[in-house]
N, C-alpha and C. Protein backbone atom coordinates (compact mmCIF):
# COMPACT_ATOMS: atom_id res chain seq x y z
N TRP A 1 91.60 105.87 80.10
CA TRP A 1 90.53 106.20 81.01
C TRP A 1 91.05 107.14 82.07
N ARG A 2 90.27 108.18 82.37
CA ARG A 2 90.59 109.11 83.45
C ARG A 2 89.36 109.28 84.30
N PRO A 3 89.53 109.29 85.64
CA PRO A 3 88.37 109.52 86.49
C PRO A 3 87.79 110.90 86.24
N THR A 4 86.54 111.07 86.58
CA THR A 4 85.92 112.37 86.41
C THR A 4 86.58 113.39 87.33
N GLN A 5 86.48 114.61 86.96
CA GLN A 5 87.15 115.69 87.67
C GLN A 5 86.79 115.71 89.15
N GLY A 6 87.84 115.69 90.00
CA GLY A 6 87.64 115.78 91.44
C GLY A 6 87.03 114.54 92.07
N SER A 7 87.11 113.38 91.41
CA SER A 7 86.42 112.21 91.94
C SER A 7 87.29 111.32 92.81
N ASP A 8 88.55 111.66 92.99
CA ASP A 8 89.44 110.79 93.75
C ASP A 8 89.81 111.42 95.09
N PRO A 9 89.03 111.15 96.15
CA PRO A 9 89.34 111.75 97.45
C PRO A 9 90.68 111.29 98.00
N ALA A 10 91.12 110.08 97.66
CA ALA A 10 92.42 109.60 98.15
C ALA A 10 93.55 110.44 97.56
N ALA A 11 93.43 110.79 96.29
CA ALA A 11 94.46 111.62 95.66
C ALA A 11 94.50 113.00 96.29
N ALA A 12 93.34 113.56 96.57
CA ALA A 12 93.30 114.87 97.21
C ALA A 12 93.91 114.82 98.60
N ALA A 13 93.63 113.76 99.34
CA ALA A 13 94.19 113.61 100.69
C ALA A 13 95.70 113.43 100.63
N ALA A 14 96.19 112.85 99.54
CA ALA A 14 97.63 112.62 99.40
C ALA A 14 98.35 113.86 98.89
N GLY A 15 97.62 114.92 98.60
CA GLY A 15 98.25 116.15 98.14
C GLY A 15 98.40 116.21 96.64
N VAL A 16 97.68 115.39 95.91
CA VAL A 16 97.74 115.40 94.46
C VAL A 16 96.53 116.18 93.96
N ASP A 17 96.76 117.08 93.04
CA ASP A 17 95.67 117.87 92.48
C ASP A 17 94.91 117.01 91.48
N PRO A 18 93.68 116.57 91.79
CA PRO A 18 92.96 115.70 90.88
C PRO A 18 92.56 116.38 89.59
N ASN A 19 92.60 117.70 89.55
CA ASN A 19 92.23 118.44 88.35
C ASN A 19 93.43 118.77 87.47
N ALA A 20 94.63 118.44 87.94
CA ALA A 20 95.82 118.74 87.16
C ALA A 20 95.90 117.81 85.96
N PRO A 21 96.38 118.32 84.83
CA PRO A 21 96.54 117.44 83.68
C PRO A 21 97.63 116.43 83.96
N PRO A 22 97.59 115.27 83.31
CA PRO A 22 98.63 114.27 83.56
C PRO A 22 100.00 114.84 83.19
N ALA A 23 100.98 114.51 84.00
CA ALA A 23 102.34 115.00 83.75
C ALA A 23 102.92 114.29 82.55
N ALA A 24 103.87 114.95 81.90
CA ALA A 24 104.54 114.34 80.77
C ALA A 24 105.20 113.05 81.24
N GLY A 25 104.98 111.97 80.53
CA GLY A 25 105.55 110.70 80.93
C GLY A 25 104.78 110.03 82.06
N GLY A 26 103.72 110.67 82.55
CA GLY A 26 102.91 110.08 83.59
C GLY A 26 103.57 110.03 84.95
N ASP A 27 104.55 110.88 85.21
CA ASP A 27 105.25 110.86 86.49
C ASP A 27 104.37 111.48 87.57
N TRP A 28 103.97 110.68 88.55
CA TRP A 28 103.09 111.14 89.62
C TRP A 28 103.77 112.19 90.49
N ARG A 29 105.09 112.20 90.54
CA ARG A 29 105.81 113.15 91.40
C ARG A 29 105.54 114.60 90.99
N ALA A 30 105.34 114.82 89.70
CA ALA A 30 105.13 116.18 89.21
C ALA A 30 103.82 116.76 89.74
N GLN A 31 102.88 115.90 90.10
CA GLN A 31 101.58 116.37 90.59
C GLN A 31 101.51 116.46 92.11
N LEU A 32 102.52 115.93 92.79
CA LEU A 32 102.51 115.92 94.26
C LEU A 32 102.85 117.30 94.78
N GLN A 33 102.00 117.82 95.65
CA GLN A 33 102.21 119.15 96.20
C GLN A 33 103.21 119.09 97.35
N PRO A 34 104.04 120.13 97.52
CA PRO A 34 105.05 120.13 98.59
C PRO A 34 104.45 119.91 99.98
N GLU A 35 103.22 120.38 100.20
CA GLU A 35 102.59 120.19 101.51
C GLU A 35 102.40 118.71 101.81
N ALA A 36 102.17 117.92 100.78
CA ALA A 36 101.98 116.48 100.99
C ALA A 36 103.26 115.85 101.51
N ARG A 37 104.38 116.26 100.95
CA ARG A 37 105.67 115.71 101.42
C ARG A 37 105.94 116.14 102.85
N SER A 38 105.57 117.36 103.20
CA SER A 38 105.75 117.84 104.58
C SER A 38 104.90 117.02 105.55
N ARG A 39 103.67 116.71 105.14
CA ARG A 39 102.81 115.88 106.00
C ARG A 39 103.41 114.49 106.20
N ILE A 40 104.00 113.95 105.15
CA ILE A 40 104.61 112.63 105.25
C ILE A 40 105.80 112.68 106.21
N VAL A 41 106.63 113.72 106.10
CA VAL A 41 107.76 113.87 107.02
C VAL A 41 107.25 113.98 108.45
N ASN A 42 106.17 114.71 108.67
CA ASN A 42 105.61 114.84 110.02
C ASN A 42 105.12 113.50 110.56
N LYS A 43 104.52 112.69 109.70
CA LYS A 43 104.07 111.36 110.13
C LYS A 43 105.27 110.48 110.49
N ILE A 44 106.32 110.57 109.70
CA ILE A 44 107.54 109.81 110.00
C ILE A 44 108.10 110.27 111.34
N MET A 45 108.11 111.58 111.57
CA MET A 45 108.60 112.13 112.84
C MET A 45 107.80 111.59 114.02
N GLU A 46 106.49 111.57 113.91
CA GLU A 46 105.65 111.06 115.00
C GLU A 46 105.98 109.60 115.30
N THR A 47 106.18 108.82 114.25
CA THR A 47 106.52 107.41 114.44
C THR A 47 107.89 107.26 115.10
N LEU A 48 108.86 108.04 114.65
CA LEU A 48 110.19 107.99 115.26
C LEU A 48 110.13 108.37 116.74
N LYS A 49 109.36 109.41 117.05
CA LYS A 49 109.26 109.86 118.45
C LYS A 49 108.62 108.79 119.34
N LYS A 50 107.69 108.02 118.78
CA LYS A 50 107.06 106.95 119.56
C LYS A 50 108.06 105.85 119.91
N HIS A 51 108.94 105.55 118.95
CA HIS A 51 109.86 104.43 119.12
C HIS A 51 111.22 104.85 119.67
N LEU A 52 111.55 106.11 119.53
CA LEU A 52 112.84 106.63 120.01
C LEU A 52 112.59 107.88 120.83
N PRO A 53 112.17 107.71 122.08
CA PRO A 53 111.86 108.89 122.90
C PRO A 53 113.09 109.79 123.07
N VAL A 54 112.92 111.06 122.77
CA VAL A 54 114.00 112.04 122.86
C VAL A 54 113.49 113.20 123.70
N SER A 55 114.32 113.66 124.63
CA SER A 55 113.86 114.73 125.52
C SER A 55 114.57 116.06 125.27
N VAL A 56 115.68 116.03 124.55
CA VAL A 56 116.43 117.28 124.34
C VAL A 56 116.15 117.81 122.94
N PRO A 57 116.16 119.14 122.77
CA PRO A 57 115.89 119.73 121.45
C PRO A 57 116.86 119.25 120.36
N GLU A 58 118.11 119.02 120.74
CA GLU A 58 119.09 118.55 119.74
C GLU A 58 118.67 117.19 119.19
N GLY A 59 118.11 116.36 120.06
CA GLY A 59 117.64 115.05 119.62
C GLY A 59 116.47 115.15 118.67
N LEU A 60 115.57 116.10 118.92
CA LEU A 60 114.44 116.31 118.02
C LEU A 60 114.91 116.81 116.66
N ASN A 61 115.92 117.68 116.67
CA ASN A 61 116.47 118.17 115.40
C ASN A 61 117.08 117.02 114.61
N GLU A 62 117.76 116.12 115.31
CA GLU A 62 118.36 114.97 114.64
C GLU A 62 117.28 114.04 114.08
N LEU A 63 116.22 113.82 114.84
CA LEU A 63 115.10 113.00 114.33
C LEU A 63 114.47 113.64 113.10
N GLN A 64 114.36 114.96 113.10
CA GLN A 64 113.79 115.67 111.94
C GLN A 64 114.66 115.44 110.71
N LYS A 65 115.98 115.51 110.88
CA LYS A 65 116.89 115.27 109.76
C LYS A 65 116.74 113.85 109.24
N ILE A 66 116.63 112.90 110.16
CA ILE A 66 116.46 111.50 109.77
C ILE A 66 115.16 111.33 108.99
N ALA A 67 114.08 111.93 109.49
CA ALA A 67 112.78 111.81 108.82
C ALA A 67 112.83 112.40 107.41
N VAL A 68 113.48 113.54 107.26
CA VAL A 68 113.58 114.19 105.94
C VAL A 68 114.39 113.31 104.99
N ARG A 69 115.52 112.80 105.46
CA ARG A 69 116.35 111.94 104.60
C ARG A 69 115.60 110.67 104.20
N PHE A 70 114.88 110.09 105.15
CA PHE A 70 114.12 108.87 104.86
C PHE A 70 113.04 109.15 103.81
N GLU A 71 112.30 110.24 103.98
CA GLU A 71 111.25 110.59 103.02
C GLU A 71 111.85 110.81 101.64
N GLU A 72 112.99 111.49 101.57
CA GLU A 72 113.63 111.75 100.28
C GLU A 72 114.03 110.45 99.59
N LYS A 73 114.56 109.51 100.35
CA LYS A 73 114.96 108.23 99.75
C LYS A 73 113.75 107.46 99.24
N ILE A 74 112.69 107.43 100.03
CA ILE A 74 111.48 106.71 99.61
C ILE A 74 110.85 107.39 98.40
N TYR A 75 110.79 108.72 98.43
CA TYR A 75 110.21 109.50 97.32
C TYR A 75 110.98 109.23 96.03
N THR A 76 112.30 109.22 96.13
CA THR A 76 113.13 109.01 94.94
C THR A 76 113.00 107.59 94.41
N ALA A 77 112.92 106.61 95.31
CA ALA A 77 112.88 105.21 94.90
C ALA A 77 111.50 104.74 94.46
N ALA A 78 110.45 105.45 94.88
CA ALA A 78 109.08 104.99 94.61
C ALA A 78 108.78 104.99 93.11
N THR A 79 108.12 103.93 92.67
CA THR A 79 107.72 103.86 91.27
C THR A 79 106.30 104.37 91.07
N ASN A 80 105.53 104.41 92.16
CA ASN A 80 104.19 104.98 92.11
C ASN A 80 103.80 105.42 93.50
N GLN A 81 102.67 106.06 93.58
CA GLN A 81 102.22 106.60 94.85
C GLN A 81 101.78 105.50 95.77
């Protein structure tokens, strides 16, 4: 069973092309657009900034690196979206 074309607003919001054919092996990562990963990193950054206030640019750069590494680990370990 496949949903009708363009019927999954959650997938579109997550950066997945609902009109893309299923990836070989059904790997959801192949359908995830790079912009979606950037949005996730930005959300992680906002959360880090709320809990770890940083006032210097070097600190923000370090938080950005942490957010990117965290997203990469979660992306790699995730079994589904």
